[in-house]
Amino acid sequence: MTSTRPLRADAKRNRERLLEAAVSAFTQGDPDVTMEAIAKEAGVGIGTLYRHFPTRDALVEATYRNQLSRLCDAADDLARTEEPAAALRAWLDRFVDYMTTKRGMAEALRALIASGGNPFAESRARLVGAITTLLDAGIAAGAIRSDVAPGDVLTSLSGISLAAGEPAQREQAGRLLDLLMDGLRYRA
């Protein structure tokens, strides 16, 4: 049974530091990184790590879901604070960064799936929701075409993300995102 009480401020900070350390550790390509190494990198004891994440699988899944939440939550923030086309373009860049992180976590995610976990259960719906938010804002402003399906944008982004596998290819991914944006813009 999990508690529904909100975390104390210090516990919340520790949890966030653990998730950041886990992202760093899992994306470094060492699938066998120890829980102790992650706790040490976060500046907390191993007991603190296990209080938040009782198993390695729980840590991997929470790390992935945290990254997904940050990406999806950014859509609302960008839609509120940026001009619609600029908000969409900024989010597209964040998506490529997210996919690069996810690719770095591939070994840890594969191990989680092999043990019966499904970290991707909500991913597509959340991503399509974020894209819909940004497209709707752009359509309302007359900046984005109204005939674009959010799922098509997600599929396009997935392909572009393949081009961003290495830092040297990040520039190419930026050019491909510019092409995608050109295709999304409303033309009178």
N, C-alpha and C. Protein backbone atom coordinates (compact mmCIF):
# COMPACT_ATOMS: atom_id res chain seq x y z
N MET A 1 0.83 -1.18 0.00
CA MET A 1 0.00 0.00 0.00
C MET A 1 0.88 1.24 0.00
N THR A 2 0.62 2.15 -0.93
CA THR A 2 1.41 3.37 -1.00
C THR A 2 0.68 4.50 -0.32
N SER A 3 1.43 5.38 0.27
CA SER A 3 0.86 6.52 0.97
C SER A 3 0.47 7.59 -0.04
N THR A 4 -0.65 8.26 0.24
CA THR A 4 -1.08 9.35 -0.64
C THR A 4 -0.74 10.71 -0.05
N ARG A 5 -0.08 10.70 1.10
CA ARG A 5 0.33 11.97 1.70
C ARG A 5 1.39 12.62 0.83
N PRO A 6 1.35 13.94 0.71
CA PRO A 6 2.40 14.61 -0.05
C PRO A 6 3.74 14.47 0.67
N LEU A 7 4.80 14.44 -0.11
CA LEU A 7 6.14 14.33 0.47
C LEU A 7 6.51 15.63 1.16
N ARG A 8 7.27 15.49 2.24
CA ARG A 8 7.85 16.67 2.88
C ARG A 8 8.80 17.33 1.88
N ALA A 9 9.11 18.58 2.10
CA ALA A 9 9.98 19.32 1.17
C ALA A 9 11.34 18.65 1.01
N ASP A 10 11.94 18.18 2.11
CA ASP A 10 13.26 17.54 2.01
C ASP A 10 13.16 16.19 1.30
N ALA A 11 12.09 15.45 1.54
CA ALA A 11 11.90 14.17 0.87
C ALA A 11 11.68 14.38 -0.63
N LYS A 12 10.95 15.43 -0.96
CA LYS A 12 10.72 15.75 -2.37
C LYS A 12 12.04 16.12 -3.06
N ARG A 13 12.85 16.92 -2.39
CA ARG A 13 14.16 17.28 -2.96
C ARG A 13 15.02 16.04 -3.15
N ASN A 14 15.02 15.14 -2.16
CA ASN A 14 15.80 13.91 -2.28
C ASN A 14 15.31 13.07 -3.45
N ARG A 15 14.00 12.96 -3.62
CA ARG A 15 13.44 12.18 -4.72
C ARG A 15 13.86 12.77 -6.06
N GLU A 16 13.78 14.09 -6.19
CA GLU A 16 14.19 14.75 -7.43
C GLU A 16 15.69 14.54 -7.71
N ARG A 17 16.50 14.65 -6.67
CA ARG A 17 17.95 14.42 -6.86
C ARG A 17 18.22 12.98 -7.28
N LEU A 18 17.48 12.04 -6.71
CA LEU A 18 17.64 10.64 -7.10
C LEU A 18 17.25 10.42 -8.56
N LEU A 19 16.15 11.03 -8.98
CA LEU A 19 15.72 10.89 -10.37
C LEU A 19 16.73 11.51 -11.33
N GLU A 20 17.28 12.66 -10.98
CA GLU A 20 18.30 13.29 -11.83
C GLU A 20 19.56 12.43 -11.91
N ALA A 21 19.98 11.90 -10.77
CA ALA A 21 21.16 11.02 -10.77
C ALA A 21 20.90 9.76 -11.58
N ALA A 22 19.68 9.24 -11.50
CA ALA A 22 19.34 8.03 -12.25
C ALA A 22 19.36 8.30 -13.75
N VAL A 23 18.81 9.44 -14.18
CA VAL A 23 18.86 9.79 -15.61
C VAL A 23 20.30 9.82 -16.07
N SER A 24 21.13 10.49 -15.31
CA SER A 24 22.54 10.59 -15.68
C SER A 24 23.19 9.21 -15.74
N ALA A 25 22.95 8.39 -14.73
CA ALA A 25 23.57 7.06 -14.68
C ALA A 25 23.07 6.15 -15.79
N PHE A 26 21.76 6.13 -16.01
CA PHE A 26 21.20 5.22 -17.01
C PHE A 26 21.54 5.66 -18.43
N THR A 27 21.74 6.95 -18.66
CA THR A 27 22.05 7.41 -20.00
C THR A 27 23.54 7.34 -20.33
N GLN A 28 24.35 7.02 -19.35
CA GLN A 28 25.78 6.88 -19.59
C GLN A 28 26.12 5.56 -20.28
N GLY A 29 25.13 4.69 -20.41
CA GLY A 29 25.35 3.45 -21.13
C GLY A 29 25.82 2.29 -20.27
N ASP A 30 25.86 2.44 -18.95
CA ASP A 30 26.26 1.35 -18.07
C ASP A 30 24.99 0.71 -17.50
N PRO A 31 24.53 -0.37 -18.12
CA PRO A 31 23.29 -0.99 -17.65
C PRO A 31 23.41 -1.59 -16.26
N ASP A 32 24.63 -1.79 -15.79
CA ASP A 32 24.85 -2.42 -14.48
C ASP A 32 25.19 -1.42 -13.38
N VAL A 33 24.92 -0.13 -13.61
CA VAL A 33 25.20 0.85 -12.58
C VAL A 33 24.46 0.43 -11.31
N THR A 34 25.13 0.57 -10.19
CA THR A 34 24.55 0.11 -8.93
C THR A 34 23.63 1.17 -8.32
N MET A 35 22.71 0.69 -7.52
CA MET A 35 21.83 1.59 -6.79
C MET A 35 22.66 2.45 -5.83
N GLU A 36 23.71 1.86 -5.28
CA GLU A 36 24.58 2.61 -4.37
C GLU A 36 25.24 3.77 -5.09
N ALA A 37 25.69 3.55 -6.33
CA ALA A 37 26.32 4.62 -7.11
C ALA A 37 25.33 5.74 -7.39
N ILE A 38 24.08 5.39 -7.66
CA ILE A 38 23.06 6.40 -7.92
C ILE A 38 22.78 7.20 -6.65
N ALA A 39 22.66 6.51 -5.52
CA ALA A 39 22.43 7.21 -4.25
C ALA A 39 23.59 8.15 -3.94
N LYS A 40 24.80 7.67 -4.15
CA LYS A 40 25.98 8.50 -3.88
C LYS A 40 25.99 9.74 -4.78
N GLU A 41 25.69 9.55 -6.07
CA GLU A 41 25.65 10.68 -7.01
C GLU A 41 24.59 11.70 -6.59
N ALA A 42 23.48 11.22 -6.04
CA ALA A 42 22.40 12.11 -5.59
C ALA A 42 22.71 12.75 -4.24
N GLY A 43 23.73 12.27 -3.56
CA GLY A 43 24.09 12.83 -2.26
C GLY A 43 23.19 12.37 -1.14
N VAL A 44 22.63 11.16 -1.28
CA VAL A 44 21.78 10.60 -0.24
C VAL A 44 22.26 9.20 0.10
N GLY A 45 21.77 8.67 1.21
CA GLY A 45 22.11 7.31 1.60
C GLY A 45 21.29 6.29 0.83
N ILE A 46 21.76 5.06 0.85
CA ILE A 46 21.06 3.99 0.13
C ILE A 46 19.67 3.75 0.71
N GLY A 47 19.51 3.95 2.01
CA GLY A 47 18.19 3.78 2.63
C GLY A 47 17.18 4.78 2.09
N THR A 48 17.64 6.00 1.84
CA THR A 48 16.76 7.02 1.25
C THR A 48 16.33 6.60 -0.15
N LEU A 49 17.26 6.08 -0.93
CA LEU A 49 16.91 5.62 -2.27
C LEU A 49 15.85 4.53 -2.19
N TYR A 50 16.06 3.53 -1.32
CA TYR A 50 15.11 2.42 -1.24
C TYR A 50 13.76 2.82 -0.64
N ARG A 51 13.73 3.89 0.18
CA ARG A 51 12.44 4.37 0.68
C ARG A 51 11.60 4.93 -0.46
N HIS A 52 12.25 5.58 -1.40
CA HIS A 52 11.54 6.16 -2.54
C HIS A 52 11.30 5.13 -3.65
N PHE A 53 12.28 4.27 -3.86
CA PHE A 53 12.24 3.31 -4.97
C PHE A 53 12.69 1.95 -4.46
N PRO A 54 11.76 1.11 -4.02
CA PRO A 54 12.11 -0.14 -3.36
C PRO A 54 12.85 -1.15 -4.26
N THR A 55 12.77 -0.97 -5.58
CA THR A 55 13.48 -1.88 -6.49
C THR A 55 14.13 -1.06 -7.60
N ARG A 56 15.07 -1.69 -8.27
CA ARG A 56 15.70 -1.06 -9.43
C ARG A 56 14.65 -0.76 -10.50
N ASP A 57 13.75 -1.71 -10.72
CA ASP A 57 12.70 -1.50 -11.71
C ASP A 57 11.85 -0.29 -11.37
N ALA A 58 11.54 -0.10 -10.10
CA ALA A 58 10.74 1.06 -9.68
C ALA A 58 11.49 2.35 -9.99
N LEU A 59 12.81 2.35 -9.80
CA LEU A 59 13.62 3.53 -10.11
C LEU A 59 13.66 3.79 -11.61
N VAL A 60 13.87 2.76 -12.40
CA VAL A 60 13.92 2.92 -13.86
C VAL A 60 12.59 3.47 -14.37
N GLU A 61 11.50 2.87 -13.92
CA GLU A 61 10.19 3.32 -14.39
C GLU A 61 9.89 4.74 -13.95
N ALA A 62 10.20 5.08 -12.72
CA ALA A 62 9.97 6.44 -12.22
C ALA A 62 10.83 7.45 -12.98
N THR A 63 12.04 7.06 -13.30
CA THR A 63 12.93 7.94 -14.05
C THR A 63 12.36 8.22 -15.43
N TYR A 64 11.93 7.17 -16.11
CA TYR A 64 11.35 7.34 -17.44
C TYR A 64 10.08 8.19 -17.36
N ARG A 65 9.19 7.87 -16.44
CA ARG A 65 7.93 8.61 -16.34
C ARG A 65 8.16 10.07 -15.95
N ASN A 66 9.17 10.33 -15.14
CA ASN A 66 9.50 11.70 -14.76
C ASN A 66 9.94 12.50 -15.99
N GLN A 67 10.76 11.89 -16.82
CA GLN A 67 11.21 12.57 -18.04
C GLN A 67 10.02 12.83 -18.97
N LEU A 68 9.14 11.85 -19.10
CA LEU A 68 7.94 12.01 -19.93
C LEU A 68 7.05 13.13 -19.39
N SER A 69 6.85 13.16 -18.08
CA SER A 69 6.02 14.20 -17.47
C SER A 69 6.60 15.59 -17.70
N ARG A 70 7.89 15.71 -17.54
CA ARG A 70 8.53 17.02 -17.76
C ARG A 70 8.31 17.49 -19.19
N LEU A 71 8.47 16.59 -20.12
CA LEU A 71 8.28 16.94 -21.53
C LEU A 71 6.83 17.35 -21.79
N CYS A 72 5.90 16.53 -21.35
CA CYS A 72 4.48 16.81 -21.62
C CYS A 72 4.00 18.06 -20.89
N ASP A 73 4.44 18.26 -19.66
CA ASP A 73 4.05 19.44 -18.90
C ASP A 73 4.60 20.72 -19.53
N ALA A 74 5.73 20.60 -20.21
CA ALA A 74 6.32 21.77 -20.86
C ALA A 74 5.42 22.33 -21.95
N ALA A 75 4.58 21.50 -22.56
CA ALA A 75 3.67 21.98 -23.62
C ALA A 75 2.74 23.06 -23.08
N ASP A 76 2.13 22.83 -21.93
CA ASP A 76 1.24 23.83 -21.34
C ASP A 76 1.99 25.11 -21.00
N ASP A 77 3.18 24.95 -20.41
CA ASP A 77 3.98 26.13 -20.04
C ASP A 77 4.36 26.94 -21.27
N LEU A 78 4.82 26.25 -22.31
CA LEU A 78 5.22 26.94 -23.53
C LEU A 78 4.03 27.61 -24.21
N ALA A 79 2.89 26.93 -24.23
CA ALA A 79 1.69 27.49 -24.86
C ALA A 79 1.24 28.78 -24.15
N ARG A 80 1.47 28.85 -22.84
CA ARG A 80 1.09 30.04 -22.07
C ARG A 80 2.08 31.19 -22.22
N THR A 81 3.35 30.88 -22.44
CA THR A 81 4.38 31.91 -22.36
C THR A 81 5.00 32.32 -23.70
N GLU A 82 4.79 31.53 -24.73
CA GLU A 82 5.44 31.81 -26.02
C GLU A 82 4.41 32.01 -27.11
N GLU A 83 4.83 32.65 -28.16
CA GLU A 83 4.02 32.76 -29.37
C GLU A 83 3.84 31.32 -29.89
N PRO A 84 2.65 30.97 -30.41
CA PRO A 84 2.35 29.57 -30.71
C PRO A 84 3.36 28.82 -31.58
N ALA A 85 3.82 29.41 -32.66
CA ALA A 85 4.80 28.70 -33.51
C ALA A 85 6.12 28.51 -32.77
N ALA A 86 6.54 29.52 -32.01
CA ALA A 86 7.78 29.42 -31.24
C ALA A 86 7.64 28.38 -30.13
N ALA A 87 6.46 28.31 -29.51
CA ALA A 87 6.21 27.31 -28.46
C ALA A 87 6.30 25.90 -29.04
N LEU A 88 5.69 25.71 -30.20
CA LEU A 88 5.75 24.39 -30.83
C LEU A 88 7.17 24.02 -31.19
N ARG A 89 7.91 24.94 -31.77
CA ARG A 89 9.30 24.65 -32.16
C ARG A 89 10.16 24.34 -30.94
N ALA A 90 9.98 25.09 -29.86
CA ALA A 90 10.75 24.82 -28.63
C ALA A 90 10.42 23.45 -28.08
N TRP A 91 9.15 23.07 -28.14
CA TRP A 91 8.76 21.75 -27.65
C TRP A 91 9.32 20.64 -28.53
N LEU A 92 9.37 20.86 -29.83
CA LEU A 92 9.95 19.86 -30.73
C LEU A 92 11.41 19.59 -30.36
N ASP A 93 12.14 20.65 -30.04
CA ASP A 93 13.53 20.48 -29.60
C ASP A 93 13.59 19.66 -28.31
N ARG A 94 12.70 19.94 -27.40
CA ARG A 94 12.66 19.18 -26.15
C ARG A 94 12.33 17.72 -26.40
N PHE A 95 11.46 17.46 -27.36
CA PHE A 95 11.12 16.08 -27.70
C PHE A 95 12.37 15.33 -28.18
N VAL A 96 13.15 15.95 -29.04
CA VAL A 96 14.37 15.29 -29.54
C VAL A 96 15.32 15.02 -28.37
N ASP A 97 15.45 15.97 -27.46
CA ASP A 97 16.30 15.74 -26.28
C ASP A 97 15.76 14.58 -25.44
N TYR A 98 14.46 14.53 -25.26
CA TYR A 98 13.82 13.45 -24.51
C TYR A 98 14.11 12.10 -25.17
N MET A 99 13.97 12.03 -26.48
CA MET A 99 14.21 10.78 -27.18
C MET A 99 15.67 10.36 -27.08
N THR A 100 16.57 11.31 -27.08
CA THR A 100 17.99 11.00 -26.91
C THR A 100 18.23 10.41 -25.53
N THR A 101 17.59 10.99 -24.51
CA THR A 101 17.70 10.46 -23.15
C THR A 101 17.11 9.06 -23.08
N LYS A 102 15.95 8.89 -23.68
CA LYS A 102 15.29 7.57 -23.67
C LYS A 102 16.16 6.53 -24.35
N ARG A 103 16.81 6.92 -25.45
CA ARG A 103 17.70 6.00 -26.15
C ARG A 103 18.87 5.60 -25.24
N GLY A 104 19.37 6.57 -24.46
CA GLY A 104 20.44 6.28 -23.52
C GLY A 104 20.01 5.33 -22.42
N MET A 105 18.71 5.35 -22.11
CA MET A 105 18.17 4.48 -21.06
C MET A 105 17.71 3.14 -21.61
N ALA A 106 17.97 2.87 -22.88
CA ALA A 106 17.41 1.68 -23.54
C ALA A 106 17.67 0.39 -22.79
N GLU A 107 18.89 0.18 -22.33
CA GLU A 107 19.21 -1.07 -21.63
C GLU A 107 18.40 -1.20 -20.34
N ALA A 108 18.32 -0.12 -19.59
CA ALA A 108 17.56 -0.16 -18.34
C ALA A 108 16.07 -0.38 -18.62
N LEU A 109 15.55 0.25 -19.67
CA LEU A 109 14.14 0.07 -20.02
C LEU A 109 13.86 -1.34 -20.52
N ARG A 110 14.79 -1.91 -21.30
CA ARG A 110 14.62 -3.29 -21.77
C ARG A 110 14.57 -4.26 -20.59
N ALA A 111 15.44 -4.04 -19.62
CA ALA A 111 15.44 -4.90 -18.43
C ALA A 111 14.12 -4.79 -17.67
N LEU A 112 13.59 -3.58 -17.58
CA LEU A 112 12.31 -3.37 -16.91
C LEU A 112 11.19 -4.11 -17.64
N ILE A 113 11.17 -4.00 -18.95
CA ILE A 113 10.14 -4.68 -19.76
C ILE A 113 10.28 -6.19 -19.63
N ALA A 114 11.51 -6.69 -19.64
CA ALA A 114 11.74 -8.13 -19.50
C ALA A 114 11.22 -8.67 -18.17
N SER A 115 11.21 -7.80 -17.15
CA SER A 115 10.71 -8.24 -15.84
C SER A 115 9.20 -8.04 -15.69
N GLY A 116 8.54 -7.62 -16.76
CA GLY A 116 7.08 -7.50 -16.74
C GLY A 116 6.55 -6.09 -16.62
N GLY A 117 7.41 -5.11 -16.53
CA GLY A 117 6.96 -3.72 -16.42
C GLY A 117 6.56 -3.16 -17.78
N ASN A 118 5.76 -2.12 -17.77
CA ASN A 118 5.37 -1.45 -19.02
C ASN A 118 5.45 0.06 -18.82
N PRO A 119 6.65 0.62 -18.92
CA PRO A 119 6.78 2.06 -18.69
C PRO A 119 6.12 2.90 -19.77
N PHE A 120 5.79 2.30 -20.91
CA PHE A 120 5.26 3.06 -22.03
C PHE A 120 3.73 3.08 -22.11
N ALA A 121 3.06 2.53 -21.11
CA ALA A 121 1.60 2.37 -21.16
C ALA A 121 0.87 3.67 -21.48
N GLU A 122 1.32 4.78 -20.95
CA GLU A 122 0.63 6.05 -21.14
C GLU A 122 1.36 6.99 -22.08
N SER A 123 2.51 6.60 -22.57
CA SER A 123 3.38 7.52 -23.31
C SER A 123 2.72 8.15 -24.52
N ARG A 124 2.19 7.33 -25.41
CA ARG A 124 1.63 7.86 -26.66
C ARG A 124 0.49 8.84 -26.38
N ALA A 125 -0.42 8.48 -25.50
CA ALA A 125 -1.55 9.36 -25.20
C ALA A 125 -1.07 10.69 -24.61
N ARG A 126 -0.11 10.64 -23.73
CA ARG A 126 0.41 11.88 -23.12
C ARG A 126 1.11 12.74 -24.15
N LEU A 127 1.91 12.11 -25.03
CA LEU A 127 2.63 12.87 -26.05
C LEU A 127 1.65 13.48 -27.06
N VAL A 128 0.68 12.72 -27.49
CA VAL A 128 -0.33 13.25 -28.42
C VAL A 128 -1.09 14.39 -27.76
N GLY A 129 -1.39 14.27 -26.48
CA GLY A 129 -2.06 15.35 -25.76
C GLY A 129 -1.24 16.63 -25.74
N ALA A 130 0.06 16.50 -25.51
CA ALA A 130 0.95 17.67 -25.49
C ALA A 130 1.01 18.32 -26.87
N ILE A 131 1.15 17.49 -27.90
CA ILE A 131 1.21 18.01 -29.27
C ILE A 131 -0.12 18.69 -29.61
N THR A 132 -1.23 18.10 -29.21
CA THR A 132 -2.55 18.68 -29.47
C THR A 132 -2.66 20.06 -28.85
N THR A 133 -2.20 20.21 -27.63
CA THR A 133 -2.22 21.51 -26.96
C THR A 133 -1.50 22.57 -27.79
N LEU A 134 -0.32 22.22 -28.27
CA LEU A 134 0.48 23.17 -29.04
C LEU A 134 -0.11 23.44 -30.42
N LEU A 135 -0.59 22.39 -31.08
CA LEU A 135 -1.21 22.59 -32.39
C LEU A 135 -2.47 23.44 -32.27
N ASP A 136 -3.30 23.16 -31.27
CA ASP A 136 -4.54 23.93 -31.08
C ASP A 136 -4.24 25.42 -30.85
N ALA A 137 -3.21 25.70 -30.07
CA ALA A 137 -2.84 27.11 -29.85
C ALA A 137 -2.38 27.75 -31.15
N GLY A 138 -1.61 27.01 -31.94
CA GLY A 138 -1.15 27.55 -33.22
C GLY A 138 -2.27 27.72 -34.22
N ILE A 139 -3.21 26.79 -34.23
CA ILE A 139 -4.37 26.90 -35.13
C ILE A 139 -5.22 28.11 -34.74
N ALA A 140 -5.46 28.28 -33.45
CA ALA A 140 -6.26 29.40 -32.96
C ALA A 140 -5.62 30.74 -33.31
N ALA A 141 -4.30 30.77 -33.35
CA ALA A 141 -3.59 32.01 -33.68
C ALA A 141 -3.42 32.19 -35.18
N GLY A 142 -3.82 31.20 -35.97
CA GLY A 142 -3.66 31.28 -37.41
C GLY A 142 -2.24 31.03 -37.89
N ALA A 143 -1.44 30.42 -37.03
CA ALA A 143 -0.04 30.17 -37.37
C ALA A 143 0.21 28.74 -37.86
N ILE A 144 -0.66 27.81 -37.51
CA ILE A 144 -0.48 26.39 -37.82
C ILE A 144 -1.68 25.90 -38.62
N ARG A 145 -1.41 25.05 -39.59
CA ARG A 145 -2.48 24.46 -40.41
C ARG A 145 -3.45 23.69 -39.53
N SER A 146 -4.71 23.69 -39.93
CA SER A 146 -5.74 23.00 -39.14
C SER A 146 -5.93 21.54 -39.55
N ASP A 147 -5.27 21.11 -40.60
CA ASP A 147 -5.48 19.74 -41.10
C ASP A 147 -4.37 18.78 -40.67
N VAL A 148 -3.63 19.14 -39.65
CA VAL A 148 -2.52 18.31 -39.18
C VAL A 148 -2.98 17.44 -38.03
N ALA A 149 -2.75 16.14 -38.13
CA ALA A 149 -3.10 15.21 -37.05
C ALA A 149 -1.94 15.13 -36.05
N PRO A 150 -2.24 15.29 -34.77
CA PRO A 150 -1.17 15.20 -33.76
C PRO A 150 -0.37 13.90 -33.85
N GLY A 151 -1.04 12.79 -34.14
CA GLY A 151 -0.32 11.52 -34.27
C GLY A 151 0.67 11.53 -35.41
N ASP A 152 0.36 12.26 -36.48
CA ASP A 152 1.30 12.38 -37.60
C ASP A 152 2.53 13.17 -37.19
N VAL A 153 2.32 14.21 -36.39
CA VAL A 153 3.46 14.98 -35.90
C VAL A 153 4.34 14.10 -35.02
N LEU A 154 3.73 13.29 -34.16
CA LEU A 154 4.49 12.40 -33.29
C LEU A 154 5.30 11.40 -34.12
N THR A 155 4.70 10.84 -35.15
CA THR A 155 5.42 9.90 -36.01
C THR A 155 6.59 10.60 -36.70
N SER A 156 6.37 11.81 -37.19
CA SER A 156 7.44 12.58 -37.83
C SER A 156 8.57 12.84 -36.85
N LEU A 157 8.21 13.21 -35.62
CA LEU A 157 9.22 13.48 -34.60
C LEU A 157 10.03 12.24 -34.26
N SER A 158 9.37 11.11 -34.25
CA SER A 158 10.09 9.86 -33.95
C SER A 158 11.15 9.61 -35.01
N GLY A 159 10.81 9.84 -36.26
CA GLY A 159 11.78 9.68 -37.34
C GLY A 159 12.92 10.67 -37.24
N ILE A 160 12.59 11.91 -36.95
CA ILE A 160 13.63 12.94 -36.80
C ILE A 160 14.55 12.60 -35.65
N SER A 161 13.99 12.06 -34.60
CA SER A 161 14.80 11.72 -33.42
C SER A 161 15.86 10.68 -33.74
N LEU A 162 15.59 9.83 -34.71
CA LEU A 162 16.60 8.86 -35.12
C LEU A 162 17.84 9.55 -35.66
N ALA A 163 17.66 10.72 -36.26
CA ALA A 163 18.79 11.48 -36.80
C ALA A 163 19.61 12.15 -35.71
N ALA A 164 19.08 12.22 -34.50
CA ALA A 164 19.76 12.93 -33.41
C ALA A 164 20.50 11.98 -32.49
N GLY A 165 20.86 10.80 -32.98
CA GLY A 165 21.51 9.81 -32.14
C GLY A 165 22.85 10.22 -31.58
N GLU A 166 23.62 10.92 -32.35
CA GLU A 166 24.95 11.38 -31.92
C GLU A 166 24.97 12.90 -31.90
N PRO A 167 25.81 13.49 -31.04
CA PRO A 167 25.87 14.95 -30.98
C PRO A 167 26.15 15.59 -32.34
N ALA A 168 26.97 14.95 -33.17
CA ALA A 168 27.28 15.50 -34.49
C ALA A 168 26.03 15.53 -35.37
N GLN A 169 25.09 14.67 -35.09
CA GLN A 169 23.87 14.61 -35.89
C GLN A 169 22.77 15.53 -35.35
N ARG A 170 23.00 16.16 -34.21
CA ARG A 170 22.01 17.04 -33.61
C ARG A 170 21.70 18.21 -34.53
N GLU A 171 22.72 18.69 -35.23
CA GLU A 171 22.51 19.79 -36.18
C GLU A 171 21.55 19.36 -37.29
N GLN A 172 21.71 18.15 -37.79
CA GLN A 172 20.80 17.64 -38.81
C GLN A 172 19.38 17.55 -38.26
N ALA A 173 19.23 17.09 -37.05
CA ALA A 173 17.90 17.00 -36.44
C ALA A 173 17.26 18.38 -36.38
N GLY A 174 18.04 19.41 -36.05
CA GLY A 174 17.52 20.78 -36.03
C GLY A 174 17.02 21.21 -37.40
N ARG A 175 17.77 20.88 -38.44
CA ARG A 175 17.33 21.22 -39.79
C ARG A 175 16.04 20.47 -40.15
N LEU A 176 15.95 19.21 -39.75
CA LEU A 176 14.74 18.43 -40.03
C LEU A 176 13.54 18.99 -39.26
N LEU A 177 13.76 19.46 -38.03
CA LEU A 177 12.68 20.09 -37.28
C LEU A 177 12.22 21.38 -37.96
N ASP A 178 13.17 22.12 -38.53
CA ASP A 178 12.80 23.33 -39.28
C ASP A 178 11.93 22.97 -40.48
N LEU A 179 12.27 21.89 -41.17
CA LEU A 179 11.45 21.44 -42.30
C LEU A 179 10.05 21.04 -41.83
N LEU A 180 9.98 20.33 -40.72
CA LEU A 180 8.68 19.94 -40.18
C LEU A 180 7.86 21.19 -39.85
N MET A 181 8.48 22.16 -39.20
CA MET A 181 7.77 23.40 -38.87
C MET A 181 7.27 24.09 -40.13
N ASP A 182 8.10 24.12 -41.18
CA ASP A 182 7.65 24.74 -42.44
C ASP A 182 6.40 24.04 -42.96
N GLY A 183 6.33 22.75 -42.84
CA GLY A 183 5.17 22.00 -43.29
C GLY A 183 3.94 22.22 -42.42
N LEU A 184 4.14 22.57 -41.17
CA LEU A 184 3.03 22.78 -40.24
C LEU A 184 2.44 24.18 -40.31
N ARG A 185 3.21 25.13 -40.83
CA ARG A 185 2.76 26.53 -40.84
C ARG A 185 1.57 26.73 -41.78
N TYR A 186 0.65 27.58 -41.31
CA TYR A 186 -0.50 27.94 -42.12
C TYR A 186 -0.04 28.92 -43.20
N ARG A 187 -0.48 28.67 -44.42
CA ARG A 187 -0.17 29.56 -45.54
C ARG A 187 -1.51 29.99 -46.15
N ALA A 188 -1.75 31.27 -46.15
CA ALA A 188 -3.02 31.80 -46.69
C ALA A 188 -3.05 31.72 -48.20
